[in-house]
Amino acid sequence: MQAIEKVTAVQQVEQSIMAYILSDNVKIGDKLPTERALCEELKVGRGTIREAIRVLQTKGLLELQPGRGAFITRKEEFNKFDLANWFLENEIKIKDCIEVRIAIEPLAIKLAIQKCSDKDIRKLRSIQKRSISAVRKNDVASLAQCDEQFHTFIVECSQNKFLMDINKRLNYRLTSFRSKTFNIPENVQNFIPAHEAIIQAFEKRDVELGQKNLLNHLSYVVEDLELSKKIK
């Protein structure tokens, strides 16, 4: 006999929303009910709803539109061919975002390393630890979340409100990219060591090394994008 696996609240909500998406009552392009409505219907908190929606986004069933909500994009999960097409169709938008990141993140990490505390470095280590755990569990949604938290926290450590505002806008545009890219094992392999190298620069309080490792990381992101268009 097999042991019975414990199903988390997030998994239960994910299954409920999945059933809703697959039903004949809705079609592609329809908007998902609001977080408040889902909370009331499923009797859970907003955090659980948001996590379940992130999972369904990584599977290609939902697309988040800032300020508007979540919309149904598919009635079946992404396969490799679908992913390759998505990266191909969104290549220009993604490259635009990466170009902005290459411009602002070296400044952000310079200021962050100069101003960060030991507590801040421990926070980066904590995010990295959760990232490693997510890799082991093949938890794509958590990986996307950890990646956003890692880079956002560096910008916050810069204590530059203008950089924070730009980063917030970038995150809106990178949500779909992050939810797709970690579905590709090769992209995941580059993710952990790149962040580790950045953390080591923080621990050494080495601005030049931090900028170098960050730019190396972003260059891998560009390479990953090129390979993602050709996955089979």
C-alpha atoms as a PDB file:
ATOM      1  CA  MET A   1       0.000   0.000   0.000  1.00  0.00           C
ATOM      2  CA  GLN A   2       1.113   3.562  -0.721  1.00  0.00           C
ATOM      3  CA  ALA A   3       1.210   6.256   1.924  1.00  0.00           C
ATOM      4  CA  ILE A   4      -1.511   8.878   1.610  1.00  0.00           C
ATOM      5  CA  GLU A   5      -0.018  12.201   0.589  1.00  0.00           C
ATOM      6  CA  LYS A   6      -1.099  15.266   2.538  1.00  0.00           C
ATOM      7  CA  VAL A   7      -2.752  17.831   0.295  1.00  0.00           C
ATOM      8  CA  THR A   8      -2.062  21.438   1.264  1.00  0.00           C
ATOM      9  CA  ALA A   9      -4.623  24.237   1.227  1.00  0.00           C
ATOM     10  CA  VAL A  10      -2.853  25.744  -1.791  1.00  0.00           C
ATOM     11  CA  GLN A  11      -3.132  22.453  -3.688  1.00  0.00           C
ATOM     12  CA  GLN A  12      -6.818  22.164  -2.829  1.00  0.00           C
ATOM     13  CA  VAL A  13      -7.482  25.716  -4.030  1.00  0.00           C
ATOM     14  CA  GLU A  14      -5.414  25.076  -7.162  1.00  0.00           C
ATOM     15  CA  GLN A  15      -7.545  22.010  -7.924  1.00  0.00           C
ATOM     16  CA  SER A  16     -10.764  23.954  -7.345  1.00  0.00           C
ATOM     17  CA  ILE A  17      -9.734  26.806  -9.629  1.00  0.00           C
ATOM     18  CA  MET A  18      -8.449  24.302 -12.200  1.00  0.00           C
ATOM     19  CA  ALA A  19     -11.858  22.614 -12.228  1.00  0.00           C
ATOM     20  CA  TYR A  20     -13.470  26.010 -12.730  1.00  0.00           C
ATOM     21  CA  ILE A  21     -11.158  26.807 -15.659  1.00  0.00           C
ATOM     22  CA  LEU A  22     -11.799  23.431 -17.313  1.00  0.00           C
ATOM     23  CA  SER A  23     -15.568  23.682 -16.915  1.00  0.00           C
ATOM     24  CA  ASP A  24     -17.891  24.600 -19.775  1.00  0.00           C
ATOM     25  CA  ASN A  25     -19.034  27.668 -17.841  1.00  0.00           C
ATOM     26  CA  VAL A  26     -16.015  29.746 -18.831  1.00  0.00           C
ATOM     27  CA  LYS A  27     -13.929  30.235 -21.953  1.00  0.00           C
ATOM     28  CA  ILE A  28     -10.441  31.422 -22.866  1.00  0.00           C
ATOM     29  CA  GLY A  29     -10.199  35.165 -22.290  1.00  0.00           C
ATOM     30  CA  ASP A  30     -12.640  35.215 -19.378  1.00  0.00           C
ATOM     31  CA  LYS A  31     -11.562  36.916 -16.176  1.00  0.00           C
ATOM     32  CA  LEU A  32     -11.155  34.871 -13.027  1.00  0.00           C
ATOM     33  CA  PRO A  33     -13.325  35.980 -10.076  1.00  0.00           C
ATOM     34  CA  THR A  34     -11.656  38.535  -7.798  1.00  0.00           C
ATOM     35  CA  GLU A  35      -9.424  37.437  -4.921  1.00  0.00           C
ATOM     36  CA  ARG A  36     -12.109  38.565  -2.493  1.00  0.00           C
ATOM     37  CA  ALA A  37     -14.771  36.485  -4.250  1.00  0.00           C
ATOM     38  CA  LEU A  38     -12.495  33.431  -4.340  1.00  0.00           C
ATOM     39  CA  CYS A  39     -11.666  33.835  -0.644  1.00  0.00           C
ATOM     40  CA  GLU A  40     -15.351  33.906   0.225  1.00  0.00           C
ATOM     41  CA  GLU A  41     -16.184  30.990  -2.062  1.00  0.00           C
ATOM     42  CA  LEU A  42     -13.300  28.725  -1.013  1.00  0.00           C
ATOM     43  CA  LYS A  43     -13.064  29.851   2.639  1.00  0.00           C
ATOM     44  CA  VAL A  44      -9.320  30.572   2.581  1.00  0.00           C
ATOM     45  CA  GLY A  45      -7.076  33.619   2.910  1.00  0.00           C
ATOM     46  CA  ARG A  46      -5.750  35.842   0.146  1.00  0.00           C
ATOM     47  CA  GLY A  47      -2.231  34.417   0.472  1.00  0.00           C
ATOM     48  CA  THR A  48      -3.494  30.923  -0.351  1.00  0.00           C
ATOM     49  CA  ILE A  49      -5.465  32.233  -3.330  1.00  0.00           C
ATOM     50  CA  ARG A  50      -2.481  34.154  -4.685  1.00  0.00           C
ATOM     51  CA  GLU A  51      -0.146  31.168  -4.350  1.00  0.00           C
ATOM     52  CA  ALA A  52      -2.608  28.882  -6.156  1.00  0.00           C
ATOM     53  CA  ILE A  53      -2.995  31.437  -8.944  1.00  0.00           C
ATOM     54  CA  ARG A  54       0.794  31.655  -9.294  1.00  0.00           C
ATOM     55  CA  VAL A  55       0.953  27.873  -9.692  1.00  0.00           C
ATOM     56  CA  LEU A  56      -1.722  27.934 -12.399  1.00  0.00           C
ATOM     57  CA  GLN A  57       0.113  30.764 -14.114  1.00  0.00           C
ATOM     58  CA  THR A  58       3.275  28.654 -14.308  1.00  0.00           C
ATOM     59  CA  LYS A  59       1.189  25.965 -15.996  1.00  0.00           C
ATOM     60  CA  GLY A  60       0.050  28.459 -18.625  1.00  0.00           C
ATOM     61  CA  LEU A  61      -3.627  28.420 -17.663  1.00  0.00           C
ATOM     62  CA  LEU A  62      -3.791  31.942 -16.282  1.00  0.00           C
ATOM     63  CA  GLU A  63      -2.218  35.266 -17.168  1.00  0.00           C
ATOM     64  CA  LEU A  64      -1.957  38.090 -14.619  1.00  0.00           C
ATOM     65  CA  GLN A  65      -2.622  41.595 -15.900  1.00  0.00           C
ATOM     66  CA  PRO A  66      -1.540  44.332 -13.452  1.00  0.00           C
ATOM     67  CA  GLY A  67      -4.497  46.296 -12.180  1.00  0.00           C
ATOM     68  CA  ARG A  68      -6.995  44.078 -13.971  1.00  0.00           C
ATOM     69  CA  GLY A  69      -6.704  40.606 -12.462  1.00  0.00           C
ATOM     70  CA  ALA A  70      -6.180  37.048 -13.723  1.00  0.00           C
ATOM     71  CA  PHE A  71      -7.460  35.884 -17.101  1.00  0.00           C
ATOM     72  CA  ILE A  72      -7.881  32.387 -18.523  1.00  0.00           C
ATOM     73  CA  THR A  73      -5.395  31.816 -21.338  1.00  0.00           C
ATOM     74  CA  ARG A  74      -5.596  28.059 -21.887  1.00  0.00           C
ATOM     75  CA  LYS A  75      -7.596  24.995 -20.936  1.00  0.00           C
ATOM     76  CA  GLU A  76      -4.575  22.672 -20.874  1.00  0.00           C
ATOM     77  CA  GLU A  77      -1.074  22.930 -19.434  1.00  0.00           C
ATOM     78  CA  PHE A  78       1.882  24.170 -21.473  1.00  0.00           C
ATOM     79  CA  ASN A  79       3.972  21.572 -23.262  1.00  0.00           C
ATOM     80  CA  LYS A  80       7.507  22.179 -24.554  1.00  0.00           C
ATOM     81  CA  PHE A  81       6.278  23.278 -27.975  1.00  0.00           C
ATOM     82  CA  ASP A  82       3.931  25.824 -26.383  1.00  0.00           C
ATOM     83  CA  LEU A  83       6.743  27.183 -24.219  1.00  0.00           C
ATOM     84  CA  ALA A  84       9.074  27.624 -27.182  1.00  0.00           C
ATOM     85  CA  ASN A  85       6.355  29.507 -29.053  1.00  0.00           C
ATOM     86  CA  TRP A  86       5.653  31.726 -26.052  1.00  0.00           C
ATOM     87  CA  PHE A  87       9.315  32.747 -25.761  1.00  0.00           C
ATOM     88  CA  LEU A  88       9.490  33.366 -29.489  1.00  0.00           C
ATOM     89  CA  GLU A  89       6.362  35.530 -29.513  1.00  0.00           C
ATOM     90  CA  ASN A  90       7.434  37.545 -26.459  1.00  0.00           C
ATOM     91  CA  GLU A  91      11.136  37.818 -27.272  1.00  0.00           C
ATOM     92  CA  ILE A  92      11.181  41.565 -27.958  1.00  0.00           C
ATOM     93  CA  LYS A  93       9.267  42.444 -24.781  1.00  0.00           C
ATOM     94  CA  ILE A  94      11.529  40.255 -22.663  1.00  0.00           C
ATOM     95  CA  LYS A  95      14.711  41.683 -24.204  1.00  0.00           C
ATOM     96  CA  ASP A  96      13.445  45.217 -23.548  1.00  0.00           C
ATOM     97  CA  CYS A  97      13.072  44.348 -19.867  1.00  0.00           C
ATOM     98  CA  ILE A  98      16.499  42.707 -19.711  1.00  0.00           C
ATOM     99  CA  GLU A  99      18.107  45.790 -21.278  1.00  0.00           C
ATOM    100  CA  VAL A 100      16.589  47.961 -18.542  1.00  0.00           C
ATOM    101  CA  ARG A 101      17.742  45.491 -15.896  1.00  0.00           C
ATOM    102  CA  ILE A 102      21.293  45.624 -17.284  1.00  0.00           C
ATOM    103  CA  ALA A 103      21.131  49.415 -16.959  1.00  0.00           C
ATOM    104  CA  ILE A 104      19.705  49.755 -13.438  1.00  0.00           C
ATOM    105  CA  GLU A 105      20.652  46.632 -11.474  1.00  0.00           C
ATOM    106  CA  PRO A 106      24.425  47.285 -11.431  1.00  0.00           C
ATOM    107  CA  LEU A 107      23.672  50.638  -9.773  1.00  0.00           C
ATOM    108  CA  ALA A 108      21.234  48.978  -7.385  1.00  0.00           C
ATOM    109  CA  ILE A 109      23.737  46.330  -6.313  1.00  0.00           C
ATOM    110  CA  LYS A 110      26.483  48.932  -5.900  1.00  0.00           C
ATOM    111  CA  LEU A 111      24.325  50.951  -3.496  1.00  0.00           C
ATOM    112  CA  ALA A 112      23.018  47.797  -1.814  1.00  0.00           C
ATOM    113  CA  ILE A 113      26.472  46.406  -1.041  1.00  0.00           C
ATOM    114  CA  GLN A 114      27.578  49.791   0.294  1.00  0.00           C
ATOM    115  CA  LYS A 115      24.535  50.142   2.553  1.00  0.00           C
ATOM    116  CA  CYS A 116      23.539  46.583   3.470  1.00  0.00           C
ATOM    117  CA  SER A 117      23.653  45.191   7.001  1.00  0.00           C
ATOM    118  CA  ASP A 118      24.504  41.687   8.174  1.00  0.00           C
ATOM    119  CA  LYS A 119      20.762  41.176   8.645  1.00  0.00           C
ATOM    120  CA  ASP A 120      20.180  42.044   4.982  1.00  0.00           C
ATOM    121  CA  ILE A 121      22.737  39.461   3.878  1.00  0.00           C
ATOM    122  CA  ARG A 122      21.039  36.854   6.062  1.00  0.00           C
ATOM    123  CA  LYS A 123      17.780  37.701   4.299  1.00  0.00           C
ATOM    124  CA  LEU A 124      19.396  37.039   0.907  1.00  0.00           C
ATOM    125  CA  ARG A 125      20.706  33.734   2.288  1.00  0.00           C
ATOM    126  CA  SER A 126      17.198  32.868   3.466  1.00  0.00           C
ATOM    127  CA  ILE A 127      15.759  33.513   0.007  1.00  0.00           C
ATOM    128  CA  GLN A 128      18.526  31.392  -1.511  1.00  0.00           C
ATOM    129  CA  LYS A 129      17.743  28.555   0.898  1.00  0.00           C
ATOM    130  CA  ARG A 130      14.080  28.625  -0.167  1.00  0.00           C
ATOM    131  CA  SER A 131      15.176  28.687  -3.807  1.00  0.00           C
ATOM    132  CA  ILE A 132      17.262  25.544  -3.348  1.00  0.00           C
ATOM    133  CA  SER A 133      14.323  23.846  -1.636  1.00  0.00           C
ATOM    134  CA  ALA A 134      12.040  24.830  -4.520  1.00  0.00           C
ATOM    135  CA  VAL A 135      14.505  23.355  -7.036  1.00  0.00           C
ATOM    136  CA  ARG A 136      14.528  20.050  -5.155  1.00  0.00           C
ATOM    137  CA  LYS A 137      10.726  19.979  -5.137  1.00  0.00           C
ATOM    138  CA  ASN A 138      10.499  21.146  -8.762  1.00  0.00           C
ATOM    139  CA  ASP A 139       8.215  23.927  -7.489  1.00  0.00           C
ATOM    140  CA  VAL A 140       8.183  26.328 -10.435  1.00  0.00           C
ATOM    141  CA  ALA A 141       5.829  28.832  -8.810  1.00  0.00           C
ATOM    142  CA  SER A 142       8.059  29.147  -5.732  1.00  0.00           C
ATOM    143  CA  LEU A 143      11.151  29.506  -7.916  1.00  0.00           C
ATOM    144  CA  ALA A 144       9.581  32.402  -9.793  1.00  0.00           C
ATOM    145  CA  GLN A 145       8.590  34.008  -6.513  1.00  0.00           C
ATOM    146  CA  CYS A 146      12.055  33.551  -4.996  1.00  0.00           C
ATOM    147  CA  ASP A 147      13.745  35.036  -8.057  1.00  0.00           C
ATOM    148  CA  GLU A 148      11.544  38.129  -7.859  1.00  0.00           C
ATOM    149  CA  GLN A 149      12.108  38.446  -4.095  1.00  0.00           C
ATOM    150  CA  PHE A 150      15.880  38.088  -4.459  1.00  0.00           C
ATOM    151  CA  HIS A 151      16.310  40.852  -7.017  1.00  0.00           C
ATOM    152  CA  THR A 152      13.670  43.072  -5.431  1.00  0.00           C
ATOM    153  CA  PHE A 153      15.352  42.846  -2.030  1.00  0.00           C
ATOM    154  CA  ILE A 154      18.672  43.937  -3.544  1.00  0.00           C
ATOM    155  CA  VAL A 155      16.945  46.990  -5.002  1.00  0.00           C
ATOM    156  CA  GLU A 156      15.318  47.696  -1.623  1.00  0.00           C
ATOM    157  CA  CYS A 157      18.729  47.504   0.037  1.00  0.00           C
ATOM    158  CA  SER A 158      19.867  50.300  -2.284  1.00  0.00           C
ATOM    159  CA  GLN A 159      17.433  52.571  -0.382  1.00  0.00           C
ATOM    160  CA  ASN A 160      16.805  54.433  -3.641  1.00  0.00           C
ATOM    161  CA  LYS A 161      13.062  54.993  -4.044  1.00  0.00           C
ATOM    162  CA  PHE A 162      13.321  55.745  -7.760  1.00  0.00           C
ATOM    163  CA  LEU A 163      15.087  52.440  -8.395  1.00  0.00           C
ATOM    164  CA  MET A 164      12.402  50.718  -6.335  1.00  0.00           C
ATOM    165  CA  ASP A 165       9.688  52.272  -8.491  1.00  0.00           C
ATOM    166  CA  ILE A 166      11.396  51.181 -11.720  1.00  0.00           C
ATOM    167  CA  ASN A 167      11.873  47.666 -10.318  1.00  0.00           C
ATOM    168  CA  LYS A 168       8.190  47.472  -9.403  1.00  0.00           C
ATOM    169  CA  ARG A 169       7.255  48.285 -12.984  1.00  0.00           C
ATOM    170  CA  LEU A 170       9.747  45.720 -14.271  1.00  0.00           C
ATOM    171  CA  ASN A 171       8.317  43.023 -12.018  1.00  0.00           C
ATOM    172  CA  TYR A 172       4.881  43.558 -13.526  1.00  0.00           C
ATOM    173  CA  ARG A 173       6.330  42.868 -16.956  1.00  0.00           C
ATOM    174  CA  LEU A 174       8.523  39.974 -15.866  1.00  0.00           C
ATOM    175  CA  THR A 175       5.824  38.001 -14.050  1.00  0.00           C
ATOM    176  CA  SER A 176       4.904  35.900 -17.091  1.00  0.00           C
ATOM    177  CA  PHE A 177       8.554  35.401 -18.069  1.00  0.00           C
ATOM    178  CA  ARG A 178       9.484  34.159 -14.605  1.00  0.00           C
ATOM    179  CA  SER A 179       6.475  31.843 -14.516  1.00  0.00           C
ATOM    180  CA  LYS A 180       7.566  30.244 -17.811  1.00  0.00           C
ATOM    181  CA  THR A 181      11.358  30.183 -17.724  1.00  0.00           C
ATOM    182  CA  PHE A 182      11.629  27.890 -14.674  1.00  0.00           C
ATOM    183  CA  ASN A 183       9.617  25.234 -16.488  1.00  0.00           C
ATOM    184  CA  ILE A 184      12.840  24.604 -18.428  1.00  0.00           C
ATOM    185  CA  PRO A 185      15.382  22.524 -16.421  1.00  0.00           C
ATOM    186  CA  GLU A 186      18.415  24.127 -18.074  1.00  0.00           C
ATOM    187  CA  ASN A 187      17.303  27.577 -16.934  1.00  0.00           C
ATOM    188  CA  VAL A 188      16.911  26.343 -13.366  1.00  0.00           C
ATOM    189  CA  GLN A 189      20.483  25.010 -13.362  1.00  0.00           C
ATOM    190  CA  ASN A 190      21.883  28.501 -14.044  1.00  0.00           C
ATOM    191  CA  PHE A 191      19.719  30.156 -11.414  1.00  0.00           C
ATOM    192  CA  ILE A 192      21.136  28.902  -8.087  1.00  0.00           C
ATOM    193  CA  PRO A 193      24.900  29.343  -8.733  1.00  0.00           C
ATOM    194  CA  ALA A 194      24.324  32.811 -10.205  1.00  0.00           C
ATOM    195  CA  HIS A 195      22.507  33.998  -7.083  1.00  0.00           C
ATOM    196  CA  GLU A 196      25.118  32.302  -4.881  1.00  0.00           C
ATOM    197  CA  ALA A 197      27.896  34.287  -6.581  1.00  0.00           C
ATOM    198  CA  ILE A 198      25.981  37.517  -5.969  1.00  0.00           C
ATOM    199  CA  ILE A 199      25.505  36.714  -2.273  1.00  0.00           C
ATOM    200  CA  GLN A 200      29.227  35.997  -1.900  1.00  0.00           C
ATOM    201  CA  ALA A 201      29.985  39.472  -3.250  1.00  0.00           C
ATOM    202  CA  PHE A 202      27.672  40.918  -0.583  1.00  0.00           C
ATOM    203  CA  GLU A 203      29.443  38.915   2.122  1.00  0.00           C
ATOM    204  CA  LYS A 204      32.804  40.256   0.939  1.00  0.00           C
ATOM    205  CA  ARG A 205      31.347  43.779   0.640  1.00  0.00           C
ATOM    206  CA  ASP A 206      32.920  43.821  -2.836  1.00  0.00           C
ATOM    207  CA  VAL A 207      31.011  46.210  -5.121  1.00  0.00           C
ATOM    208  CA  GLU A 208      33.055  45.450  -8.233  1.00  0.00           C
ATOM    209  CA  LEU A 209      32.595  41.688  -7.786  1.00  0.00           C
ATOM    210  CA  GLY A 210      28.889  42.181  -7.141  1.00  0.00           C
ATOM    211  CA  GLN A 211      28.393  44.121 -10.363  1.00  0.00           C
ATOM    212  CA  LYS A 212      30.460  41.605 -12.307  1.00  0.00           C
ATOM    213  CA  ASN A 213      28.514  38.613 -10.967  1.00  0.00           C
ATOM    214  CA  LEU A 214      25.191  40.343 -11.527  1.00  0.00           C
ATOM    215  CA  LEU A 215      25.995  41.149 -15.163  1.00  0.00           C
ATOM    216  CA  ASN A 216      27.192  37.569 -15.675  1.00  0.00           C
ATOM    217  CA  HIS A 217      23.840  36.421 -14.293  1.00  0.00           C
ATOM    218  CA  LEU A 218      21.887  38.652 -16.679  1.00  0.00           C
ATOM    219  CA  SER A 219      24.011  37.481 -19.609  1.00  0.00           C
ATOM    220  CA  TYR A 220      22.954  33.924 -18.769  1.00  0.00           C
ATOM    221  CA  VAL A 221      19.340  35.079 -18.724  1.00  0.00           C
ATOM    222  CA  VAL A 222      19.791  36.330 -22.302  1.00  0.00           C
ATOM    223  CA  GLU A 223      21.386  33.013 -23.309  1.00  0.00           C
ATOM    224  CA  ASP A 224      18.547  31.115 -21.625  1.00  0.00           C
ATOM    225  CA  LEU A 225      16.044  33.142 -23.620  1.00  0.00           C
ATOM    226  CA  GLU A 226      17.736  32.180 -26.874  1.00  0.00           C
ATOM    227  CA  LEU A 227      17.778  28.491 -25.933  1.00  0.00           C
ATOM    228  CA  SER A 228      14.188  28.613 -24.675  1.00  0.00           C
ATOM    229  CA  LYS A 229      12.982  29.510 -28.162  1.00  0.00           C
ATOM    230  CA  LYS A 230      14.495  26.295 -29.493  1.00  0.00           C
ATOM    231  CA  ILE A 231      13.443  23.716 -26.905  1.00  0.00           C
ATOM    232  CA  LYS A 232      12.035  20.472 -28.329  1.00  0.00           C
END
